[in-house]
Each structure stands twice: as C-alpha cells, then as structure tokens.
Amino acid sequence: MAKNHDALRKQARQLENEIDMKLVAFGKIGANSSHSSNTDTSPLLGESIFDSLSTEIEQKLDKLASINEAMAESSCSSAGPSTAAMHILQRHREILLGYRQEFNKISANHIARMEREELFGGPENISKISGLNRRDMYMKESNHLNRFVK
C-alpha cells in the first residue's frame, strides 16, 4: 500500500507542477486575448488558444482530484491513516482548491473583459465614445449605477 500511496503522491506533485505552469500561461493569454488587435484573425486565434488551454486545465484539475481521492482511499484502506498521511492529503486538497479558484478567477475576468468590450463595441470604440478613455467610461458607468443603488 505504501508504494501505491507514494506513486500517487508523485503523480499528484507532477500534475500540480503542470497545472501551475498552465495557469501561468492561461493568465497571460487571458489578459492578452482581448480584442485589442487591429487584425481580424488575432482575436479568434487568441480565443481558440484560451479555450483549448481552458479545457486542458479543467481536465488536469479533474485528474488531480481523482488522484487525491485515490490517495485518500489508499490511506484509509491501510491499518489506519497516519497523521502525516492525513496532513499530506489535506495539503494536496488545498493545492487543488487553490488551483481551481485561480482558474475560475482567470476565466471570470476574461469573460467579463470580453463582455465589456462587446458592450462598448471593442476597445477602439471605447475611446471614441464622447472623447472619453476607458477609465473615464468605467467611472461614468459606475457613477450611473451608484445613483440607482442609493
């Protein structure tokens, strides 16, 4: 059982490293995949890469969750889980949770950015509207919304 548990831990660590690297790339692509390019093909290419990387990360997160569950089963099936094994398992679960939260945050920010740019007709149109820049438009929108809340 210990060999199986160690093999699962090794797989989990390797997968965690892969996910970490993918999340860094995902964050960069998510931040740069707005429609800020003047060419018609660049946004589509950026969206395609973002979507494929998103799918790949989701699959890796699901696989890591499965490995964590297998580690939990392996720990429980032995004479009794040791404190160290339970601590290690908890740490892997926390890492997985952190990765899921980061993935969801990047995805949500990307979607919000795309919706904002679609609402304003793209970043080149945002600065043209009333001669305001992007920050001024957001402030104007925020002030408008705050008037309704009060």
Protein backbone atom coordinates (compact mmCIF):
# COMPACT_ATOMS: atom_id res chain seq x y z
CA MET A 1 0.00 0.00 0.00
CA ALA A 2 2.81 2.44 0.83
CA LYS A 3 4.32 2.04 -2.62
CA ASN A 4 0.96 2.77 -4.24
CA HIS A 5 0.48 5.79 -1.98
CA ASP A 6 3.96 7.10 -2.82
CA ALA A 7 3.32 6.62 -6.54
CA LEU A 8 0.07 8.56 -6.23
CA ARG A 9 1.84 11.37 -4.35
CA LYS A 10 4.47 11.53 -7.08
CA GLN A 11 1.75 11.72 -9.75
CA ALA A 12 -0.05 14.43 -7.79
CA ARG A 13 3.11 16.55 -7.44
CA GLN A 14 3.91 16.17 -11.14
CA LEU A 15 0.36 17.13 -12.12
CA GLU A 16 0.40 20.08 -9.71
CA ASN A 17 3.58 21.37 -11.39
CA GLU A 18 1.99 21.01 -14.84
CA ILE A 19 -1.18 22.78 -13.72
CA ASP A 20 0.85 25.57 -12.15
CA MET A 21 2.71 26.20 -15.42
CA LYS A 22 -0.53 26.02 -17.44
CA LEU A 23 -2.24 28.50 -15.10
CA VAL A 24 0.59 31.00 -15.57
CA ALA A 25 0.24 30.72 -19.36
CA PHE A 26 -3.56 30.79 -19.04
CA GLY A 27 -3.41 34.01 -17.04
CA LYS A 28 -1.15 35.66 -19.62
CA ILE A 29 -3.35 34.57 -22.52
CA GLY A 30 -6.48 35.64 -20.66
CA ALA A 31 -5.00 39.07 -20.02
CA ASN A 32 -3.82 39.49 -23.61
CA SER A 33 -6.67 37.89 -25.53
CA SER A 34 -8.86 40.95 -25.61
CA HIS A 35 -9.83 42.34 -28.96
CA SER A 36 -7.09 44.96 -28.81
CA SER A 37 -5.52 43.86 -32.07
CA ASN A 38 -6.45 45.57 -35.31
CA THR A 39 -6.40 42.37 -37.33
CA ASP A 40 -9.50 40.27 -37.71
CA THR A 41 -7.77 36.93 -37.09
CA SER A 42 -5.84 37.69 -33.90
CA PRO A 43 -8.82 37.73 -31.53
CA LEU A 44 -10.07 34.45 -32.93
CA LEU A 45 -6.68 32.85 -32.57
CA GLY A 46 -6.40 34.16 -29.00
CA GLU A 47 -9.85 32.85 -28.15
CA SER A 48 -9.03 29.47 -29.66
CA ILE A 49 -5.86 29.15 -27.60
CA PHE A 50 -7.67 30.38 -24.48
CA ASP A 51 -10.48 27.85 -24.96
CA SER A 52 -8.17 24.91 -25.65
CA LEU A 53 -5.95 25.75 -22.67
CA SER A 54 -9.04 26.16 -20.52
CA THR A 55 -10.23 22.68 -21.47
CA GLU A 56 -6.79 21.20 -20.88
CA ILE A 57 -6.53 22.76 -17.41
CA GLU A 58 -10.02 21.57 -16.47
CA GLN A 59 -9.05 18.02 -17.45
CA LYS A 60 -5.86 18.20 -15.41
CA LEU A 61 -7.75 19.56 -12.40
CA ASP A 62 -10.24 16.70 -12.65
CA LYS A 63 -7.39 14.19 -12.90
CA LEU A 64 -5.70 15.71 -9.85
CA ALA A 65 -8.98 15.43 -7.93
CA SER A 66 -9.14 11.74 -8.88
CA ILE A 67 -5.56 11.18 -7.72
CA ASN A 68 -6.35 12.92 -4.43
CA GLU A 69 -9.34 10.64 -3.93
CA ALA A 70 -7.22 7.58 -4.73
CA MET A 71 -4.67 8.76 -2.15
CA ALA A 72 -7.46 9.13 0.41
CA GLU A 73 -8.72 5.62 -0.31
CA SER A 74 -5.19 4.23 -0.16
CA SER A 75 -4.62 5.91 3.21
CA CYS A 76 -7.90 4.67 4.65
CA SER A 77 -7.50 1.11 3.40
CA SER A 78 -4.29 0.62 5.35
CA ALA A 79 -4.25 -0.17 9.08
CA GLY A 80 -5.31 3.41 9.74
CA PRO A 81 -4.28 6.70 8.24
CA SER A 82 -1.29 8.25 9.93
CA THR A 83 -1.27 11.88 10.93
CA ALA A 84 1.45 12.58 8.37
CA ALA A 85 -0.55 10.92 5.57
CA MET A 86 -3.64 12.91 6.50
CA HIS A 87 -1.61 16.13 6.56
CA ILE A 88 -0.14 15.37 3.12
CA LEU A 89 -3.57 14.56 1.71
CA GLN A 90 -5.01 17.77 3.16
CA ARG A 91 -2.17 19.77 1.61
CA HIS A 92 -2.82 18.25 -1.83
CA ARG A 93 -6.52 19.09 -1.47
CA GLU A 94 -5.68 22.68 -0.55
CA ILE A 95 -3.41 22.98 -3.57
CA LEU A 96 -6.19 21.65 -5.81
CA LEU A 97 -8.67 24.12 -4.31
CA GLY A 98 -6.23 26.99 -4.87
CA TYR A 99 -5.72 25.98 -8.49
CA ARG A 100 -9.47 25.73 -9.08
CA GLN A 101 -10.00 29.17 -7.56
CA GLU A 102 -7.24 30.68 -9.69
CA PHE A 103 -8.62 29.01 -12.82
CA ASN A 104 -12.14 30.28 -12.09
CA LYS A 105 -10.85 33.79 -11.38
CA ILE A 106 -8.90 33.97 -14.65
CA SER A 107 -11.87 32.61 -16.60
CA ALA A 108 -14.32 35.03 -14.98
CA ASN A 109 -12.04 38.01 -15.59
CA HIS A 110 -11.60 37.01 -19.22
CA ILE A 111 -15.34 36.61 -19.75
CA ALA A 112 -16.06 39.95 -18.06
CA ARG A 113 -13.43 41.68 -20.24
CA MET A 114 -14.91 40.15 -23.41
CA GLU A 115 -18.44 41.16 -22.41
CA ARG A 116 -17.31 44.70 -21.58
CA GLU A 117 -15.56 45.08 -24.91
CA GLU A 118 -18.52 43.62 -26.75
CA LEU A 119 -20.83 46.03 -24.93
CA PHE A 120 -18.74 49.01 -25.99
CA GLY A 121 -18.08 47.65 -29.47
CA GLY A 122 -14.40 46.92 -28.90
CA PRO A 123 -11.57 48.85 -27.26
CA GLU A 124 -11.08 51.16 -30.25
CA ASN A 125 -14.68 52.37 -29.86
CA ILE A 126 -14.44 52.90 -26.12
CA SER A 127 -12.05 55.83 -26.50
CA LYS A 128 -14.11 57.31 -29.35
CA ILE A 129 -17.34 57.45 -27.35
CA SER A 130 -17.73 61.06 -26.15
CA GLY A 131 -13.97 61.50 -26.37
CA LEU A 132 -13.53 59.57 -23.11
CA ASN A 133 -10.87 56.99 -22.41
CA ARG A 134 -11.60 53.56 -20.96
CA ARG A 135 -11.15 54.60 -17.32
CA ASP A 136 -13.49 57.56 -17.75
CA MET A 137 -16.12 55.30 -19.32
CA TYR A 138 -15.93 52.88 -16.40
CA MET A 139 -16.17 55.71 -13.90
CA LYS A 140 -19.16 57.16 -15.72
CA GLU A 141 -20.84 53.73 -15.77
CA SER A 142 -20.06 53.18 -12.09
CA ASN A 143 -21.48 56.58 -11.11
CA HIS A 144 -24.58 55.89 -13.16
CA LEU A 145 -25.11 52.54 -11.42
CA ASN A 146 -24.45 54.01 -7.97
CA ARG A 147 -27.25 56.54 -8.48
CA PHE A 148 -29.72 53.67 -8.85
CA VAL A 149 -28.44 51.84 -5.78
CA LYS A 150 -28.89 54.78 -3.42
